[in-house]
Amino acid sequence: MGKLDAAGGRRRILLKGLAAAAMLPSTGMAGDSPSITRRIPASGEIVPAIGLGTWQSFDVSSGAEFAAAKETLRQFAGLGGTVVDSSPMYGKSEFAVGQLASQLGLVGKLFLATKVWTTGRAAGIHQMDESFSLMGTQRMDLMQIHNLLDATTHMKTLRGWKEAGRIRYWGITHYHSGAYAEIERFMKAERPDFLQINYSLAEPESGERLLPLARDLGIAVIANRPFAEGALFAQVKGKTLPPWAADFDAASWAQFFLKWILADGAVTCAIPGTRNPKYLADNMAAGRGRLPDQSARTRMTGLLRR
């Protein structure tokens, strides 16, 4: 069983016992609340705090899986979502996003983000040009240097493209704590518009230095791996959501995990990945209603460490 299938299986087990009303952002106190939004420090632009990741989930080009991805993207936009993150390393994901956005009439209505992950100026430009074409846009909202690979070279290109209006923002990404010291140095020296980093109840380390630094420097933060590739669902398998989760409008474990992330004010957007419309609705509900205060976040952390 692949990682995506395993994570999905664990989540399906957890969701089976929940009432349908708990899944839908149109019900209950959270459903009656406006979507949680955050400002991008570099511009003041407002974006919804729950976005959509496409790693593995949108690596499709036809058939039932493509249809499921289409319905997921349709619901995502219908529920107010805009930020869609992809990458040329995610197989057919950029193609799927571009095709589905066109079919759904969403061209120009999404906040499209992707990445460059290669060495050399010419290779970087070629790869990014291909991403523009696949995603069906003339102007990328956010282009990110993945894993800081040849960051100095690509940064020069991206700064020029931003000045010329070809991209709106540029940033850097990573997913491994071993790179945090290098990321910190780069953030201080170069001040990218965005940092995309792993941050969750299972991987909270970036919250110690990187997120406070991003807040101080005015750098937007995208939280990736919000479920730690399904590890969080495995950790709570067979456990009942604590009743005090209702104090911050969490009606499922997915919402519990996501609200912990969003309660950190340095986070601009979290990007859970899925092509399952049911999971999408569940994730989006985390972007409504109350968020846990610091006391509740500490309690949430303690619950997962028992």
Protein backbone atom coordinates (compact mmCIF):
# COMPACT_ATOMS: atom_id res chain seq x y z
CA MET A 1 0.00 0.00 0.00
CA GLY A 2 1.42 3.43 -0.96
CA LYS A 3 1.72 6.37 1.41
CA LEU A 4 -1.31 8.11 -0.02
CA ASP A 5 -3.44 4.96 0.21
CA ALA A 6 -2.27 4.20 3.73
CA ALA A 7 -2.94 7.71 4.96
CA GLY A 8 -6.33 7.73 3.28
CA GLY A 9 -7.18 4.38 4.83
CA ARG A 10 -6.35 5.57 8.30
CA ARG A 11 -8.42 8.68 7.79
CA ARG A 12 -11.38 6.71 6.42
CA ILE A 13 -11.43 4.62 9.57
CA LEU A 14 -11.44 7.75 11.73
CA LEU A 15 -14.20 9.41 9.74
CA LYS A 16 -16.57 6.45 9.63
CA GLY A 17 -17.94 7.06 13.08
CA LEU A 18 -18.58 10.80 12.61
CA ALA A 19 -21.95 12.17 11.68
CA ALA A 20 -22.20 13.75 8.25
CA ALA A 21 -22.96 17.10 9.83
CA ALA A 22 -19.54 17.14 11.43
CA MET A 23 -17.96 16.87 8.00
CA LEU A 24 -19.58 19.80 6.31
CA PRO A 25 -18.51 23.41 6.83
CA SER A 26 -22.11 24.51 6.24
CA THR A 27 -23.35 23.13 9.56
CA GLY A 28 -22.91 24.06 13.18
CA MET A 29 -21.25 27.07 14.77
CA ALA A 30 -18.11 26.82 12.64
CA GLY A 31 -20.21 26.56 9.49
CA ASP A 32 -21.99 29.78 10.30
CA SER A 33 -18.71 31.64 10.71
CA PRO A 34 -16.74 33.39 7.96
CA SER A 35 -13.62 31.72 6.61
CA ILE A 36 -10.43 32.42 8.50
CA THR A 37 -8.14 34.52 6.35
CA ARG A 38 -4.60 35.83 6.69
CA ARG A 39 -2.66 38.72 5.18
CA ILE A 40 0.45 38.24 3.07
CA PRO A 41 2.93 40.56 4.80
CA ALA A 42 4.68 41.63 1.59
CA SER A 43 1.52 43.13 0.13
CA GLY A 44 -1.37 43.00 2.59
CA GLU A 45 -3.28 40.72 0.21
CA ILE A 46 -5.76 38.48 2.01
CA VAL A 47 -5.90 34.72 1.36
CA PRO A 48 -7.93 31.91 2.98
CA ALA A 49 -6.02 30.09 5.70
CA ILE A 50 -6.78 26.63 4.27
CA GLY A 51 -5.34 25.84 0.86
CA LEU A 52 -4.90 22.69 -1.19
CA GLY A 53 -1.75 20.62 -1.65
CA THR A 54 -1.40 18.44 -4.73
CA TRP A 55 1.48 16.08 -3.93
CA GLN A 56 0.38 12.56 -4.99
CA SER A 57 -3.32 13.50 -4.83
CA PHE A 58 -3.37 15.38 -8.17
CA ASP A 59 -0.86 13.18 -9.98
CA VAL A 60 -3.64 12.05 -12.34
CA SER A 61 -4.59 12.70 -15.95
CA SER A 62 -7.74 10.69 -16.72
CA GLY A 63 -10.37 8.31 -15.41
CA ALA A 64 -12.09 8.15 -12.05
CA GLU A 65 -9.16 9.66 -10.18
CA PHE A 66 -9.12 12.68 -12.49
CA ALA A 67 -12.88 13.07 -12.01
CA ALA A 68 -12.42 12.94 -8.23
CA ALA A 69 -9.71 15.60 -8.43
CA LYS A 70 -12.04 17.75 -10.51
CA GLU A 71 -14.84 17.50 -7.97
CA THR A 72 -12.39 18.23 -5.17
CA LEU A 73 -11.12 21.37 -6.89
CA ARG A 74 -14.68 22.43 -7.68
CA GLN A 75 -15.69 22.12 -4.04
CA PHE A 76 -12.49 23.78 -2.88
CA ALA A 77 -13.25 26.89 -4.92
CA GLY A 78 -16.93 26.74 -3.99
CA LEU A 79 -16.01 26.78 -0.31
CA GLY A 80 -13.84 29.85 -0.79
CA GLY A 81 -10.43 28.23 -1.24
CA THR A 82 -7.86 29.84 -3.51
CA VAL A 83 -4.30 28.73 -2.67
CA VAL A 84 -3.28 25.65 -4.68
CA ASP A 85 0.30 24.44 -4.32
CA SER A 86 2.01 22.17 -6.82
CA SER A 87 5.43 21.32 -8.20
CA PRO A 88 7.13 19.85 -11.28
CA MET A 89 8.25 17.03 -8.94
CA TYR A 90 4.64 15.99 -8.33
CA GLY A 91 4.20 13.97 -11.51
CA LYS A 92 1.16 15.17 -13.49
CA SER A 93 -0.11 17.49 -10.74
CA GLU A 94 0.66 20.75 -12.51
CA PHE A 95 -1.03 19.46 -15.65
CA ALA A 96 -4.08 18.34 -13.66
CA VAL A 97 -4.40 21.70 -11.91
CA GLY A 98 -4.17 23.56 -15.20
CA GLN A 99 -6.64 21.33 -17.01
CA LEU A 100 -9.16 21.26 -14.19
CA ALA A 101 -8.99 24.99 -13.57
CA SER A 102 -9.76 25.53 -17.24
CA GLN A 103 -12.63 23.03 -17.28
CA LEU A 104 -14.14 24.51 -14.12
CA GLY A 105 -13.85 28.13 -15.21
CA LEU A 106 -11.35 28.89 -12.45
CA VAL A 107 -8.57 30.38 -14.56
CA GLY A 108 -7.53 33.61 -12.88
CA LYS A 109 -9.54 32.79 -9.75
CA LEU A 110 -7.01 30.64 -7.91
CA PHE A 111 -3.78 31.56 -6.15
CA LEU A 112 -1.36 29.27 -7.99
CA ALA A 113 1.92 28.27 -6.40
CA THR A 114 4.60 25.96 -7.71
CA LYS A 115 8.34 25.38 -7.44
CA VAL A 116 11.68 25.24 -9.22
CA TRP A 117 14.00 22.36 -8.37
CA THR A 118 17.02 22.16 -10.63
CA THR A 119 20.45 23.71 -11.00
CA GLY A 120 21.57 26.45 -13.34
CA ARG A 121 19.86 29.59 -14.61
CA ALA A 122 18.84 28.22 -18.01
CA ALA A 123 17.53 24.94 -16.58
CA GLY A 124 15.59 26.85 -13.95
CA ILE A 125 13.97 29.14 -16.50
CA HIS A 126 13.09 26.17 -18.72
CA GLN A 127 11.49 24.29 -15.83
CA MET A 128 9.52 27.31 -14.67
CA ASP A 129 8.35 28.12 -18.19
CA GLU A 130 7.03 24.57 -18.41
CA SER A 131 5.15 25.05 -15.13
CA PHE A 132 3.49 28.19 -16.48
CA SER A 133 2.36 26.27 -19.53
CA LEU A 134 1.10 23.22 -17.65
CA MET A 135 -0.81 25.28 -15.10
CA GLY A 136 -2.32 27.47 -17.79
CA THR A 137 -1.21 30.84 -16.55
CA GLN A 138 0.79 33.76 -17.89
CA ARG A 139 1.50 35.07 -14.40
CA MET A 140 2.31 32.77 -11.48
CA ASP A 141 1.15 33.92 -8.09
CA LEU A 142 4.01 32.28 -6.21
CA MET A 143 7.19 30.61 -7.44
CA GLN A 144 9.25 28.85 -4.79
CA ILE A 145 12.81 27.54 -4.74
CA HIS A 146 12.41 23.97 -3.55
CA ASN A 147 14.81 22.75 -0.85
CA LEU A 148 16.96 25.84 -1.50
CA LEU A 149 18.51 24.06 -4.49
CA ASP A 150 20.74 26.59 -6.30
CA ALA A 151 18.81 29.28 -4.46
CA THR A 152 21.19 32.15 -5.22
CA THR A 153 20.88 31.55 -8.97
CA HIS A 154 17.10 31.15 -9.05
CA MET A 155 16.56 34.05 -6.65
CA LYS A 156 18.08 36.44 -9.17
CA THR A 157 15.71 35.18 -11.88
CA LEU A 158 12.69 35.39 -9.60
CA ARG A 159 13.44 38.88 -8.39
CA GLY A 160 13.68 39.99 -12.00
CA TRP A 161 10.43 38.22 -12.88
CA LYS A 162 8.65 39.80 -9.94
CA GLU A 163 9.80 43.25 -10.99
CA ALA A 164 8.62 42.52 -14.53
CA GLY A 165 5.25 41.26 -13.26
CA ARG A 166 5.67 37.66 -14.40
CA ILE A 167 5.32 36.38 -10.84
CA ARG A 168 3.64 38.08 -7.92
CA TYR A 169 5.68 36.57 -5.07
CA TRP A 170 8.75 34.38 -4.64
CA GLY A 171 9.70 32.11 -1.81
CA ILE A 172 11.61 29.09 -0.56
CA THR A 173 10.47 25.66 0.61
CA HIS A 174 11.74 22.78 2.69
CA TYR A 175 10.42 19.87 4.70
CA HIS A 176 13.36 18.69 6.82
CA SER A 177 14.54 20.00 10.18
CA GLY A 178 18.16 19.38 9.22
CA ALA A 179 17.94 22.37 6.88
CA TYR A 180 16.49 24.84 9.38
CA ALA A 181 19.78 26.60 10.15
CA GLU A 182 20.44 27.19 6.44
CA ILE A 183 16.85 28.39 5.96
CA GLU A 184 17.22 30.82 8.85
CA ARG A 185 20.36 32.32 7.35
CA PHE A 186 18.70 32.67 3.96
CA MET A 187 15.60 34.31 5.41
CA LYS A 188 17.67 36.90 7.23
CA ALA A 189 19.87 37.66 4.25
CA GLU A 190 17.38 37.61 1.37
CA ARG A 191 13.88 38.24 2.83
CA PRO A 192 11.77 36.06 0.50
CA ASP A 193 8.05 36.80 0.33
CA PHE A 194 7.12 33.26 1.41
CA LEU A 195 8.50 30.37 3.40
CA GLN A 196 6.89 26.95 2.93
CA ILE A 197 7.88 24.56 5.71
CA ASN A 198 6.69 21.41 7.48
CA TYR A 199 4.68 22.28 10.58
CA SER A 200 2.24 20.11 12.49
CA LEU A 201 1.57 18.50 15.85
CA ALA A 202 3.90 15.71 14.73
CA GLU A 203 6.59 18.08 13.40
CA PRO A 204 6.40 21.29 15.47
CA GLU A 205 10.10 22.18 15.36
CA SER A 206 9.83 24.97 12.78
CA GLY A 207 7.64 26.81 15.27
CA GLU A 208 10.58 27.30 17.60
CA ARG A 209 12.68 29.68 15.48
CA LEU A 210 11.62 29.80 11.83
CA LEU A 211 7.99 30.87 12.28
CA PRO A 212 8.79 33.61 14.82
CA LEU A 213 11.54 34.83 12.49
CA ALA A 214 9.13 34.86 9.54
CA ARG A 215 6.68 36.91 11.57
CA ASP A 216 9.42 39.38 12.56
CA LEU A 217 10.71 39.70 8.99
CA GLY A 218 7.28 39.97 7.36
CA ILE A 219 7.50 36.64 5.51
CA ALA A 220 4.33 34.67 4.78
CA VAL A 221 4.33 31.03 5.91
CA ILE A 222 2.74 28.06 4.14
CA ALA A 223 2.54 25.00 6.40
CA ASN A 224 3.08 21.79 4.47
CA ARG A 225 2.71 18.18 5.69
CA PRO A 226 -0.05 19.23 8.14
CA PHE A 227 -0.92 15.59 8.85
CA ALA A 228 2.72 14.41 8.67
CA GLU A 229 1.86 12.23 5.66
CA GLY A 230 -0.90 10.50 7.62
CA ALA A 231 1.20 9.75 10.71
CA LEU A 232 -1.09 11.86 12.88
CA PHE A 233 -4.15 9.84 11.87
CA ALA A 234 -2.28 6.63 12.73
CA GLN A 235 -1.44 8.06 16.13
CA VAL A 236 -5.09 8.70 17.04
CA LYS A 237 -6.52 5.55 15.44
CA GLY A 238 -9.18 4.13 17.72
CA LYS A 239 -9.25 7.26 19.89
CA THR A 240 -12.29 9.45 20.35
CA LEU A 241 -12.00 13.15 19.69
CA PRO A 242 -11.90 14.83 23.13
CA PRO A 243 -15.09 16.72 24.03
CA TRP A 244 -13.12 19.89 24.73
CA ALA A 245 -12.27 20.07 20.99
CA ALA A 246 -15.74 21.61 20.63
CA ASP A 247 -14.42 24.66 22.51
CA PHE A 248 -12.61 25.64 19.30
CA ASP A 249 -15.13 24.14 16.86
CA ALA A 250 -13.11 21.07 15.89
CA ALA A 251 -15.52 18.28 14.85
CA SER A 252 -12.95 15.79 13.51
CA TRP A 253 -9.33 14.86 14.03
CA ALA A 254 -8.38 16.56 10.74
CA GLN A 255 -9.89 19.81 12.00
CA PHE A 256 -8.15 19.30 15.36
CA PHE A 257 -4.76 18.99 13.63
CA LEU A 258 -5.33 21.89 11.24
CA LYS A 259 -6.66 24.26 13.90
CA TRP A 260 -3.55 23.65 15.98
CA ILE A 261 -1.51 24.91 13.02
CA LEU A 262 -3.71 27.90 12.25
CA ALA A 263 -3.67 28.99 15.90
CA ASP A 264 -0.07 30.05 15.28
CA GLY A 265 -0.48 33.57 13.97
CA ALA A 266 2.71 33.30 11.90
CA VAL A 267 1.01 30.77 9.62
CA THR A 268 -0.54 32.31 6.53
CA CYS A 269 -1.96 29.12 5.03
CA ALA A 270 -1.93 25.35 5.59
CA ILE A 271 -2.09 23.08 2.55
CA PRO A 272 -3.54 19.63 3.29
CA GLY A 273 -3.50 17.49 0.16
CA THR A 274 -6.42 15.38 -1.00
CA ARG A 275 -8.50 14.49 -4.04
CA ASN A 276 -11.33 13.13 -1.91
CA PRO A 277 -14.23 15.64 -1.82
CA LYS A 278 -15.32 14.34 1.60
CA TYR A 279 -11.90 14.98 3.09
CA LEU A 280 -11.77 18.34 1.33
CA ALA A 281 -14.98 19.46 3.05
CA ASP A 282 -13.62 18.26 6.37
CA ASN A 283 -10.34 20.14 5.87
CA MET A 284 -12.07 23.34 4.80
CA ALA A 285 -14.24 23.29 7.92
CA ALA A 286 -11.04 23.77 9.94
CA GLY A 287 -10.80 27.22 8.36
CA ARG A 288 -13.98 28.37 10.09
CA GLY A 289 -15.01 29.04 13.66
CA ARG A 290 -12.83 29.47 16.71
CA LEU A 291 -9.18 28.54 17.06
CA PRO A 292 -7.53 27.13 20.18
CA ASP A 293 -5.83 29.56 22.53
CA GLN A 294 -2.33 28.88 23.85
CA SER A 295 -3.62 26.87 26.78
CA ALA A 296 -5.66 24.66 24.46
CA ARG A 297 -2.71 24.24 22.07
CA THR A 298 -0.58 23.04 24.95
CA ARG A 299 -3.30 20.59 25.90
CA MET A 300 -3.54 19.38 22.30
CA THR A 301 0.20 18.79 22.19
CA GLY A 302 0.08 16.88 25.43
CA LEU A 303 -2.75 14.68 24.19
CA LEU A 304 -0.70 13.56 21.17
CA ARG A 305 2.39 12.86 23.27
CA ARG A 306 0.73 10.45 25.71
